PDB file of N, CA and C in Angstrom:
ATOM      1  N   MET A   1     225.726 220.985 139.015  1.00  0.00           N
ATOM      2  CA  MET A   1     226.667 220.164 138.281  1.00  0.00           C
ATOM      3  C   MET A   1     227.483 221.068 137.371  1.00  0.00           C
ATOM      4  N   GLU A   2     228.730 220.741 137.287  1.00  0.00           N
ATOM      5  CA  GLU A   2     229.627 221.500 136.419  1.00  0.00           C
ATOM      6  C   GLU A   2     229.296 221.200 134.954  1.00  0.00           C
ATOM      7  N   PRO A   3     229.222 222.208 134.124  1.00  0.00           N
ATOM      8  CA  PRO A   3     228.938 221.976 132.709  1.00  0.00           C
ATOM      9  C   PRO A   3     229.908 220.989 132.059  1.00  0.00           C
ATOM     10  N   SER A   4     231.133 220.966 132.503  1.00  0.00           N
ATOM     11  CA  SER A   4     232.115 220.054 131.910  1.00  0.00           C
ATOM     12  C   SER A   4     231.802 218.590 132.220  1.00  0.00           C
ATOM     13  N   ASN A   5     231.030 218.319 133.279  1.00  0.00           N
ATOM     14  CA  ASN A   5     230.663 216.951 133.665  1.00  0.00           C
ATOM     15  C   ASN A   5     229.314 216.514 133.093  1.00  0.00           C
ATOM     16  N   LEU A   6     228.545 217.464 132.593  1.00  0.00           N
ATOM     17  CA  LEU A   6     227.171 217.181 132.168  1.00  0.00           C
ATOM     18  C   LEU A   6     227.104 216.155 131.033  1.00  0.00           C
ATOM     19  N   GLU A   7     227.936 216.307 130.025  1.00  0.00           N
ATOM     20  CA  GLU A   7     227.887 215.397 128.879  1.00  0.00           C
ATOM     21  C   GLU A   7     228.137 213.946 129.307  1.00  0.00           C
ATOM     22  N   ALA A   8     229.160 213.714 130.100  1.00  0.00           N
ATOM     23  CA  ALA A   8     229.474 212.358 130.556  1.00  0.00           C
ATOM     24  C   ALA A   8     228.356 211.810 131.445  1.00  0.00           C
ATOM     25  N   TYR A   9     227.792 212.660 132.299  1.00  0.00           N
ATOM     26  CA  TYR A   9     226.705 212.238 133.190  1.00  0.00           C
ATOM     27  C   TYR A   9     225.482 211.795 132.382  1.00  0.00           C
ATOM     28  N   VAL A  10     225.096 212.617 131.415  1.00  0.00           N
ATOM     29  CA  VAL A  10     223.925 212.303 130.597  1.00  0.00           C
ATOM     30  C   VAL A  10     224.171 211.023 129.801  1.00  0.00           C
ATOM     31  N   LYS A  11     225.362 210.869 129.220  1.00  0.00           N
ATOM     32  CA  LYS A  11     225.677 209.656 128.464  1.00  0.00           C
ATOM     33  C   LYS A  11     225.588 208.434 129.370  1.00  0.00           C
ATOM     34  N   ASP A  12     226.131 208.494 130.561  1.00  0.00           N
ATOM     35  CA  ASP A  12     226.060 207.366 131.497  1.00  0.00           C
ATOM     36  C   ASP A  12     224.619 207.032 131.855  1.00  0.00           C
ATOM     37  N   LYS A  13     223.796 208.044 132.115  1.00  0.00           N
ATOM     38  CA  LYS A  13     222.391 207.815 132.467  1.00  0.00           C
ATOM     39  C   LYS A  13     221.630 207.178 131.307  1.00  0.00           C
ATOM     40  N   LEU A  14     221.873 207.677 130.094  1.00  0.00           N
ATOM     41  CA  LEU A  14     221.205 207.093 128.929  1.00  0.00           C
ATOM     42  C   LEU A  14     221.631 205.640 128.723  1.00  0.00           C
ATOM     43  N   ASP A  15     222.905 205.334 128.937  1.00  0.00           N
ATOM     44  CA  ASP A  15     223.372 203.947 128.838  1.00  0.00           C
ATOM     45  C   ASP A  15     222.705 203.069 129.888  1.00  0.00           C
ATOM     46  N   GLU A  16     222.564 203.584 131.112  1.00  0.00           N
ATOM     47  CA  GLU A  16     221.875 202.841 132.177  1.00  0.00           C
ATOM     48  C   GLU A  16     220.431 202.562 131.800  1.00  0.00           C
ATOM     49  N   ILE A  17     219.747 203.571 131.281  1.00  0.00           N
ATOM     50  CA  ILE A  17     218.342 203.429 130.896  1.00  0.00           C
ATOM     51  C   ILE A  17     218.213 202.396 129.782  1.00  0.00           C
ATOM     52  N   GLN A  18     219.083 202.480 128.766  1.00  0.00           N
ATOM     53  CA  GLN A  18     219.039 201.528 127.652  1.00  0.00           C
ATOM     54  C   GLN A  18     219.264 200.106 128.148  1.00  0.00           C
ATOM     55  N   SER A  19     220.243 199.910 129.009  1.00  0.00           N
ATOM     56  CA  SER A  19     220.528 198.571 129.538  1.00  0.00           C
ATOM     57  C   SER A  19     219.361 198.034 130.340  1.00  0.00           C
ATOM     58  N   SER A  20     218.745 198.892 131.129  1.00  0.00           N
ATOM     59  CA  SER A  20     217.600 198.480 131.940  1.00  0.00           C
ATOM     60  C   SER A  20     216.419 198.087 131.053  1.00  0.00           C
ATOM     61  N   LEU A  21     216.140 198.893 130.038  1.00  0.00           N
ATOM     62  CA  LEU A  21     215.041 198.577 129.128  1.00  0.00           C
ATOM     63  C   LEU A  21     215.299 197.272 128.385  1.00  0.00           C
ATOM     64  N   LEU A  22     216.534 197.035 127.960  1.00  0.00           N
ATOM     65  CA  LEU A  22     216.874 195.801 127.270  1.00  0.00           C
ATOM     66  C   LEU A  22     216.681 194.597 128.183  1.00  0.00           C
ATOM     67  N   ARG A  23     217.140 194.682 129.434  1.00  0.00           N
ATOM     68  CA  ARG A  23     216.960 193.573 130.385  1.00  0.00           C
ATOM     69  C   ARG A  23     215.482 193.284 130.602  1.00  0.00           C
ATOM     70  N   GLN A  24     214.673 194.320 130.753  1.00  0.00           N
ATOM     71  CA  GLN A  24     213.235 194.136 130.955  1.00  0.00           C
ATOM     72  C   GLN A  24     212.600 193.478 129.734  1.00  0.00           C
ATOM     73  N   ALA A  25     212.964 193.926 128.540  1.00  0.00           N
ATOM     74  CA  ALA A  25     212.392 193.367 127.314  1.00  0.00           C
ATOM     75  C   ALA A  25     212.790 191.901 127.144  1.00  0.00           C
ATOM     76  N   GLU A  26     214.046 191.580 127.413  1.00  0.00           N
ATOM     77  CA  GLU A  26     214.499 190.185 127.298  1.00  0.00           C
ATOM     78  C   GLU A  26     213.813 189.295 128.327  1.00  0.00           C
ATOM     79  N   SER A  27     213.648 189.813 129.524  1.00  0.00           N
ATOM     80  CA  SER A  27     212.967 189.042 130.571  1.00  0.00           C
ATOM     81  C   SER A  27     211.514 188.787 130.187  1.00  0.00           C
ATOM     82  N   PHE A  28     210.840 189.811 129.685  1.00  0.00           N
ATOM     83  CA  PHE A  28     209.447 189.668 129.257  1.00  0.00           C
ATOM     84  C   PHE A  28     209.352 188.645 128.130  1.00  0.00           C
ATOM     85  N   ARG A  29     210.234 188.768 127.133  1.00  0.00           N
ATOM     86  CA  ARG A  29     210.229 187.836 126.005  1.00  0.00           C
ATOM     87  C   ARG A  29     210.427 186.405 126.483  1.00  0.00           C
ATOM     88  N   ASP A  30     211.454 186.199 127.280  1.00  0.00           N
ATOM     89  CA  ASP A  30     211.786 184.842 127.718  1.00  0.00           C
ATOM     90  C   ASP A  30     210.700 184.228 128.597  1.00  0.00           C
ATOM     91  N   SER A  31     210.022 185.032 129.383  1.00  0.00           N
ATOM     92  CA  SER A  31     208.989 184.489 130.265  1.00  0.00           C
ATOM     93  C   SER A  31     207.662 184.268 129.536  1.00  0.00           C
ATOM     94  N   ASN A  32     207.559 184.736 128.299  1.00  0.00           N
ATOM     95  CA  ASN A  32     206.318 184.592 127.548  1.00  0.00           C
ATOM     96  C   ASN A  32     206.410 183.636 126.369  1.00  0.00           C
ATOM     97  N   ILE A  33     207.547 182.970 126.194  1.00  0.00           N
ATOM     98  CA  ILE A  33     207.682 181.970 125.145  1.00  0.00           C
ATOM     99  C   ILE A  33     207.419 180.596 125.750  1.00  0.00           C
ATOM    100  N   VAL A  34     206.516 179.855 125.131  1.00  0.00           N
ATOM    101  CA  VAL A  34     206.169 178.513 125.580  1.00  0.00           C
ATOM    102  C   VAL A  34     206.591 177.524 124.495  1.00  0.00           C
ATOM    103  N   ASP A  35     207.356 176.509 124.868  1.00  0.00           N
ATOM    104  CA  ASP A  35     207.729 175.460 123.921  1.00  0.00           C
ATOM    105  C   ASP A  35     206.553 174.504 123.752  1.00  0.00           C
ATOM    106  N   VAL A  36     206.190 174.264 122.497  1.00  0.00           N
ATOM    107  CA  VAL A  36     205.058 173.380 122.189  1.00  0.00           C
ATOM    108  C   VAL A  36     205.512 172.297 121.223  1.00  0.00           C
ATOM    109  N   SER A  37     204.808 171.171 121.263  1.00  0.00           N
ATOM    110  CA  SER A  37     205.140 170.088 120.342  1.00  0.00           C
ATOM    111  C   SER A  37     203.916 169.587 119.579  1.00  0.00           C
ATOM    112  N   SER A  38     202.765 170.217 119.817  1.00  0.00           N
ATOM    113  CA  SER A  38     201.552 169.827 119.084  1.00  0.00           C
ATOM    114  C   SER A  38     200.714 171.068 118.789  1.00  0.00           C
ATOM    115  N   TYR A  39     199.814 170.920 117.843  1.00  0.00           N
ATOM    116  CA  TYR A  39     198.940 172.034 117.482  1.00  0.00           C
ATOM    117  C   TYR A  39     198.026 172.400 118.646  1.00  0.00           C
ATOM    118  N   ASP A  40     197.558 171.403 119.392  1.00  0.00           N
ATOM    119  CA  ASP A  40     196.715 171.693 120.558  1.00  0.00           C
ATOM    120  C   ASP A  40     197.473 172.526 121.588  1.00  0.00           C
ATOM    121  N   GLU A  41     198.740 172.190 121.828  1.00  0.00           N
ATOM    122  CA  GLU A  41     199.543 172.971 122.767  1.00  0.00           C
ATOM    123  C   GLU A  41     199.742 174.395 122.259  1.00  0.00           C
ATOM    124  N   LEU A  42     199.934 174.546 120.940  1.00  0.00           N
ATOM    125  CA  LEU A  42     200.071 175.879 120.350  1.00  0.00           C
ATOM    126  C   LEU A  42     198.809 176.693 120.601  1.00  0.00           C
ATOM    127  N   LYS A  43     197.644 176.094 120.370  1.00  0.00           N
ATOM    128  CA  LYS A  43     196.385 176.819 120.568  1.00  0.00           C
ATOM    129  C   LYS A  43     196.215 177.262 122.014  1.00  0.00           C
ATOM    130  N   VAL A  44     196.589 176.412 122.955  1.00  0.00           N
ATOM    131  CA  VAL A  44     196.487 176.773 124.372  1.00  0.00           C
ATOM    132  C   VAL A  44     197.421 177.936 124.684  1.00  0.00           C
ATOM    133  N   ALA A  45     198.667 177.850 124.226  1.00  0.00           N
ATOM    134  CA  ALA A  45     199.644 178.910 124.492  1.00  0.00           C
ATOM    135  C   ALA A  45     199.164 180.248 123.937  1.00  0.00           C
ATOM    136  N   ILE A  46     198.678 180.238 122.711  1.00  0.00           N
ATOM    137  CA  ILE A  46     198.207 181.476 122.087  1.00  0.00           C
ATOM    138  C   ILE A  46     196.988 182.013 122.824  1.00  0.00           C
ATOM    139  N   SER A  47     196.087 181.140 123.258  1.00  0.00           N
ATOM    140  CA  SER A  47     194.887 181.600 123.977  1.00  0.00           C
ATOM    141  C   SER A  47     195.249 182.234 125.317  1.00  0.00           C
ATOM    142  N   GLN A  48     196.415 181.886 125.851  1.00  0.00           N
ATOM    143  CA  GLN A  48     196.884 182.468 127.109  1.00  0.00           C
ATOM    144  C   GLN A  48     197.716 183.732 126.885  1.00  0.00           C
ATOM    145  N   GLY A  49     197.800 184.185 125.639  1.00  0.00           N
ATOM    146  CA  GLY A  49     198.552 185.393 125.325  1.00  0.00           C
ATOM    147  C   GLY A  49     200.058 185.177 125.251  1.00  0.00           C
ATOM    148  N   LYS A  50     200.482 183.930 125.136  1.00  0.00           N
ATOM    149  CA  LYS A  50     201.907 183.605 125.075  1.00  0.00           C
ATOM    150  C   LYS A  50     202.363 183.505 123.621  1.00  0.00           C
ATOM    151  N   TRP A  51     203.670 183.367 123.449  1.00  0.00           N
ATOM    152  CA  TRP A  51     204.259 183.082 122.149  1.00  0.00           C
ATOM    153  C   TRP A  51     204.577 181.604 122.148  1.00  0.00           C
ATOM    154  N   ALA A  52     204.295 180.909 121.065  1.00  0.00           N
ATOM    155  CA  ALA A  52     204.504 179.464 120.987  1.00  0.00           C
ATOM    156  C   ALA A  52     205.701 179.175 120.091  1.00  0.00           C
ATOM    157  N   ARG A  53     206.654 178.393 120.623  1.00  0.00           N
ATOM    158  CA  ARG A  53     207.840 177.992 119.851  1.00  0.00           C
ATOM    159  C   ARG A  53     207.794 176.488 119.662  1.00  0.00           C
ATOM    160  N   GLY A  54     207.812 176.056 118.402  1.00  0.00           N
ATOM    161  CA  GLY A  54     207.744 174.627 118.154  1.00  0.00           C
ATOM    162  C   GLY A  54     208.276 174.242 116.795  1.00  0.00           C
ATOM    163  N   PRO A  55     208.538 172.941 116.613  1.00  0.00           N
ATOM    164  CA  PRO A  55     209.065 172.446 115.345  1.00  0.00           C
ATOM    165  C   PRO A  55     208.057 172.671 114.208  1.00  0.00           C
ATOM    166  N   TRP A  56     208.579 173.111 113.063  1.00  0.00           N
ATOM    167  CA  TRP A  56     207.687 173.468 111.965  1.00  0.00           C
ATOM    168  C   TRP A  56     208.288 173.052 110.631  1.00  0.00           C
ATOM    169  N   SER A  57     207.496 172.363 109.823  1.00  0.00           N
ATOM    170  CA  SER A  57     207.869 172.058 108.444  1.00  0.00           C
ATOM    171  C   SER A  57     206.625 172.028 107.566  1.00  0.00           C
ATOM    172  N   ALA A  58     205.571 172.672 108.018  1.00  0.00           N
ATOM    173  CA  ALA A  58     204.287 172.631 107.310  1.00  0.00           C
ATOM    174  C   ALA A  58     204.249 173.671 106.192  1.00  0.00           C
ATOM    175  N   SER A  59     203.134 173.685 105.498  1.00  0.00           N
ATOM    176  CA  SER A  59     202.964 174.537 104.320  1.00  0.00           C
ATOM    177  C   SER A  59     202.399 175.910 104.690  1.00  0.00           C
ATOM    178  N   ASN A  60     202.375 176.773 103.684  1.00  0.00           N
ATOM    179  CA  ASN A  60     201.752 178.083 103.860  1.00  0.00           C
ATOM    180  C   ASN A  60     200.266 177.939 104.184  1.00  0.00           C
ATOM    181  N   GLU A  61     199.623 176.933 103.601  1.00  0.00           N
ATOM    182  CA  GLU A  61     198.209 176.702 103.874  1.00  0.00           C
ATOM    183  C   GLU A  61     197.996 176.320 105.342  1.00  0.00           C
ATOM    184  N   ASP A  62     198.918 175.530 105.877  1.00  0.00           N
ATOM    185  CA  ASP A  62     198.829 175.171 107.297  1.00  0.00           C
ATOM    186  C   ASP A  62     199.013 176.405 108.180  1.00  0.00           C
ATOM    187  N   GLU A  63     199.925 177.289 107.785  1.00  0.00           N
ATOM    188  CA  GLU A  63     200.109 178.521 108.554  1.00  0.00           C
ATOM    189  C   GLU A  63     198.842 179.376 108.509  1.00  0.00           C
ATOM    190  N   LEU A  64     198.172 179.411 107.353  1.00  0.00           N
ATOM    191  CA  LEU A  64     196.916 180.163 107.253  1.00  0.00           C
ATOM    192  C   LEU A  64     195.845 179.555 108.162  1.00  0.00           C
ATOM    193  N   LYS A  65     195.831 178.225 108.275  1.00  0.00           N
ATOM    194  CA  LYS A  65     194.883 177.573 109.182  1.00  0.00           C
ATOM    195  C   LYS A  65     195.155 178.004 110.622  1.00  0.00           C
ATOM    196  N   VAL A  66     196.433 178.055 110.992  1.00  0.00           N
ATOM    197  CA  VAL A  66     196.790 178.514 112.340  1.00  0.00           C
ATOM    198  C   VAL A  66     196.280 179.938 112.549  1.00  0.00           C
ATOM    199  N   LYS A  67     196.506 180.793 111.556  1.00  0.00           N
ATOM    200  CA  LYS A  67     196.068 182.190 111.670  1.00  0.00           C
ATOM    201  C   LYS A  67     194.554 182.286 111.801  1.00  0.00           C
ATOM    202  N   GLU A  68     193.833 181.531 110.989  1.00  0.00           N
ATOM    203  CA  GLU A  68     192.371 181.575 111.029  1.00  0.00           C
ATOM    204  C   GLU A  68     191.829 181.078 112.362  1.00  0.00           C
ATOM    205  N   GLU A  69     192.433 180.031 112.911  1.00  0.00           N
ATOM    206  CA  GLU A  69     191.904 179.425 114.139  1.00  0.00           C
ATOM    207  C   GLU A  69     192.406 180.089 115.421  1.00  0.00           C
ATOM    208  N   THR A  70     193.593 180.702 115.373  1.00  0.00           N
ATOM    209  CA  THR A  70     194.149 181.257 116.617  1.00  0.00           C
ATOM    210  C   THR A  70     194.437 182.749 116.549  1.00  0.00           C
ATOM    211  N   GLY A  71     194.535 183.288 115.350  1.00  0.00           N
ATOM    212  CA  GLY A  71     194.926 184.684 115.187  1.00  0.00           C
ATOM    213  C   GLY A  71     196.434 184.868 115.198  1.00  0.00           C
ATOM    214  N   ALA A  72     197.187 183.786 115.340  1.00  0.00           N
ATOM    215  CA  ALA A  72     198.648 183.870 115.406  1.00  0.00           C
ATOM    216  C   ALA A  72     199.266 183.510 114.058  1.00  0.00           C
ATOM    217  N   MET A  73     200.443 184.042 113.834  1.00  0.00           N
ATOM    218  CA  MET A  73     201.219 183.735 112.630  1.00  0.00           C
ATOM    219  C   MET A  73     202.666 183.476 113.031  1.00  0.00           C
ATOM    220  N   ILE A  74     203.426 182.933 112.109  1.00  0.00           N
ATOM    221  CA  ILE A  74     204.857 182.784 112.361  1.00  0.00           C
ATOM    222  C   ILE A  74     205.461 184.174 112.420  1.00  0.00           C
ATOM    223  N   ARG A  75     206.140 184.450 113.507  1.00  0.00           N
ATOM    224  CA  ARG A  75     206.803 185.740 113.681  1.00  0.00           C
ATOM    225  C   ARG A  75     208.269 185.661 113.299  1.00  0.00           C
ATOM    226  N   CYS A  76     208.889 184.504 113.517  1.00  0.00           N
ATOM    227  CA  CYS A  76     210.285 184.348 113.109  1.00  0.00           C
ATOM    228  C   CYS A  76     210.711 182.891 113.214  1.00  0.00           C
ATOM    229  N   PHE A  77     211.812 182.604 112.572  1.00  0.00           N
ATOM    230  CA  PHE A  77     212.541 181.364 112.744  1.00  0.00           C
ATOM    231  C   PHE A  77     213.831 181.790 113.443  1.00  0.00           C
ATOM    232  N   PRO A  78     213.980 181.487 114.725  1.00  0.00           N
ATOM    233  CA  PRO A  78     215.151 181.978 115.466  1.00  0.00           C
ATOM    234  C   PRO A  78     216.467 181.564 114.808  1.00  0.00           C
ATOM    235  N   PHE A  79     217.479 182.434 114.926  1.00  0.00           N
ATOM    236  CA  PHE A  79     218.805 182.107 114.417  1.00  0.00           C
ATOM    237  C   PHE A  79     219.352 180.876 115.117  1.00  0.00           C
ATOM    238  N   GLU A  80     219.140 180.784 116.417  1.00  0.00           N
ATOM    239  CA  GLU A  80     219.626 179.640 117.187  1.00  0.00           C
ATOM    240  C   GLU A  80     218.582 178.535 117.130  1.00  0.00           C
ATOM    241  N   GLN A  81     218.858 177.527 116.325  1.00  0.00           N
ATOM    242  CA  GLN A  81     217.948 176.418 116.131  1.00  0.00           C
ATOM    243  C   GLN A  81     218.457 175.203 116.903  1.00  0.00           C
ATOM    244  N   PRO A  82     217.546 174.377 117.430  1.00  0.00           N
ATOM    245  CA  PRO A  82     217.972 173.165 118.133  1.00  0.00           C
ATOM    246  C   PRO A  82     218.597 172.169 117.157  1.00  0.00           C
ATOM    247  N   LEU A  83     219.449 171.348 117.689  1.00  0.00           N
ATOM    248  CA  LEU A  83     220.069 170.310 116.862  1.00  0.00           C
ATOM    249  C   LEU A  83     219.148 169.104 116.784  1.00  0.00           C
ATOM    250  N   GLY A  84     219.181 168.425 115.672  1.00  0.00           N
ATOM    251  CA  GLY A  84     218.381 167.222 115.531  1.00  0.00           C
ATOM    252  C   GLY A  84     217.060 167.490 114.840  1.00  0.00           C
ATOM    253  N   ILE A  85     216.421 166.407 114.513  1.00  0.00           N
ATOM    254  CA  ILE A  85     215.144 166.481 113.806  1.00  0.00           C
ATOM    255  C   ILE A  85     214.024 166.141 114.782  1.00  0.00           C
ATOM    256  N   GLU A  86     213.017 166.982 114.793  1.00  0.00           N
ATOM    257  CA  GLU A  86     211.824 166.720 115.597  1.00  0.00           C
ATOM    258  C   GLU A  86     210.650 166.560 114.642  1.00  0.00           C
ATOM    259  N   ARG A  87     209.470 166.412 115.195  1.00  0.00           N
ATOM    260  CA  ARG A  87     208.257 166.271 114.395  1.00  0.00           C
ATOM    261  C   ARG A  87     207.506 167.598 114.341  1.00  0.00           C
ATOM    262  N   CYS A  88     207.089 167.976 113.152  1.00  0.00           N
ATOM    263  CA  CYS A  88     206.332 169.216 112.965  1.00  0.00           C
ATOM    264  C   CYS A  88     205.088 169.180 113.846  1.00  0.00           C
ATOM    265  N   LEU A  89     204.844 170.271 114.552  1.00  0.00           N
ATOM    266  CA  LEU A  89     203.696 170.320 115.459  1.00  0.00           C
ATOM    267  C   LEU A  89     202.367 170.251 114.716  1.00  0.00           C
ATOM    268  N   MET A  90     202.381 170.542 113.440  1.00  0.00           N
ATOM    269  CA  MET A  90     201.139 170.563 112.663  1.00  0.00           C
ATOM    270  C   MET A  90     200.926 169.266 111.883  1.00  0.00           C
ATOM    271  N   THR A  91     201.978 168.781 111.233  1.00  0.00           N
ATOM    272  CA  THR A  91     201.821 167.648 110.312  1.00  0.00           C
ATOM    273  C   THR A  91     202.394 166.340 110.836  1.00  0.00           C
ATOM    274  N   GLY A  92     203.302 166.418 111.790  1.00  0.00           N
ATOM    275  CA  GLY A  92     203.981 165.227 112.275  1.00  0.00           C
ATOM    276  C   GLY A  92     205.149 164.804 111.405  1.00  0.00           C
ATOM    277  N   ASN A  93     205.381 165.525 110.325  1.00  0.00           N
ATOM    278  CA  ASN A  93     206.521 165.238 109.453  1.00  0.00           C
ATOM    279  C   ASN A  93     207.812 165.708 110.123  1.00  0.00           C
ATOM    280  N   PRO A  94     208.954 165.205 109.672  1.00  0.00           N
ATOM    281  CA  PRO A  94     210.221 165.666 110.244  1.00  0.00           C
ATOM    282  C   PRO A  94     210.382 167.185 110.076  1.00  0.00           C
ATOM    283  N   ALA A  95     210.890 167.826 111.113  1.00  0.00           N
ATOM    284  CA  ALA A  95     211.130 169.275 111.086  1.00  0.00           C
ATOM    285  C   ALA A  95     212.515 169.550 111.648  1.00  0.00           C
ATOM    286  N   GLU A  96     213.311 170.276 110.897  1.00  0.00           N
ATOM    287  CA  GLU A  96     214.667 170.585 111.329  1.00  0.00           C
ATOM    288  C   GLU A  96     214.791 171.977 111.915  1.00  0.00           C
ATOM    289  N   GLU A  97     213.693 172.727 111.963  1.00  0.00           N
ATOM    290  CA  GLU A  97     213.758 174.065 112.544  1.00  0.00           C
ATOM    291  C   GLU A  97     212.501 174.350 113.353  1.00  0.00           C
ATOM    292  N   VAL A  98     212.627 175.318 114.237  1.00  0.00           N
ATOM    293  CA  VAL A  98     211.479 175.736 115.027  1.00  0.00           C
ATOM    294  C   VAL A  98     211.054 177.134 114.570  1.00  0.00           C
ATOM    295  N   ALA A  99     209.777 177.413 114.756  1.00  0.00           N
ATOM    296  CA  ALA A  99     209.211 178.712 114.454  1.00  0.00           C
ATOM    297  C   ALA A  99     208.580 179.255 115.723  1.00  0.00           C
ATOM    298  N   ILE A 100     208.475 180.559 115.794  1.00  0.00           N
ATOM    299  CA  ILE A 100     207.771 181.203 116.907  1.00  0.00           C
ATOM    300  C   ILE A 100     206.497 181.815 116.362  1.00  0.00           C
ATOM    301  N   PHE A 101     205.373 181.418 116.945  1.00  0.00           N
ATOM    302  CA  PHE A 101     204.053 181.927 116.579  1.00  0.00           C
ATOM    303  C   PHE A 101     203.571 182.904 117.640  1.00  0.00           C
ATOM    304  N   ALA A 102     202.917 183.965 117.205  1.00  0.00           N
ATOM    305  CA  ALA A 102     202.312 184.918 118.135  1.00  0.00           C
ATOM    306  C   ALA A 102     201.278 185.738 117.381  1.00  0.00           C
ATOM    307  N   LYS A 103     200.404 186.351 118.150  1.00  0.00           N
ATOM    308  CA  LYS A 103     199.468 187.302 117.588  1.00  0.00           C
ATOM    309  C   LYS A 103     200.161 188.646 117.457  1.00  0.00           C
ATOM    310  N   SER A 104     199.685 189.451 116.519  1.00  0.00           N
ATOM    311  CA  SER A 104     200.186 190.831 116.450  1.00  0.00           C
ATOM    312  C   SER A 104     199.142 191.724 117.104  1.00  0.00           C
ATOM    313  N   TYR A 105     199.619 192.731 117.733  1.00  0.00           N
ATOM    314  CA  TYR A 105     198.712 193.641 118.430  1.00  0.00           C
ATOM    315  C   TYR A 105     198.921 195.045 117.957  1.00  0.00           C
TER     316      TYR A 105
END
């Protein structure tokens, strides 16, 4: 390879690698998120090694109960939230946002 072409070649290859890794990570993430609407469904999802996404409006104490019983914690509240009010998977109270629960490894 000509030295004058090396820089562009390496940059293109690194861009290809980055894009491929991003696609793989997004695919893995999307295939491992399970939508849940109850605490029992959350426990099943977590026991299967999945991430559980569900409506949440409970307290810090409720989150600690989830952690104690499943080993999972809230990892994030996604920027893209569903429209409308649902029922909190833990308390049954109205919830305007969803949280994603997962174990840390």
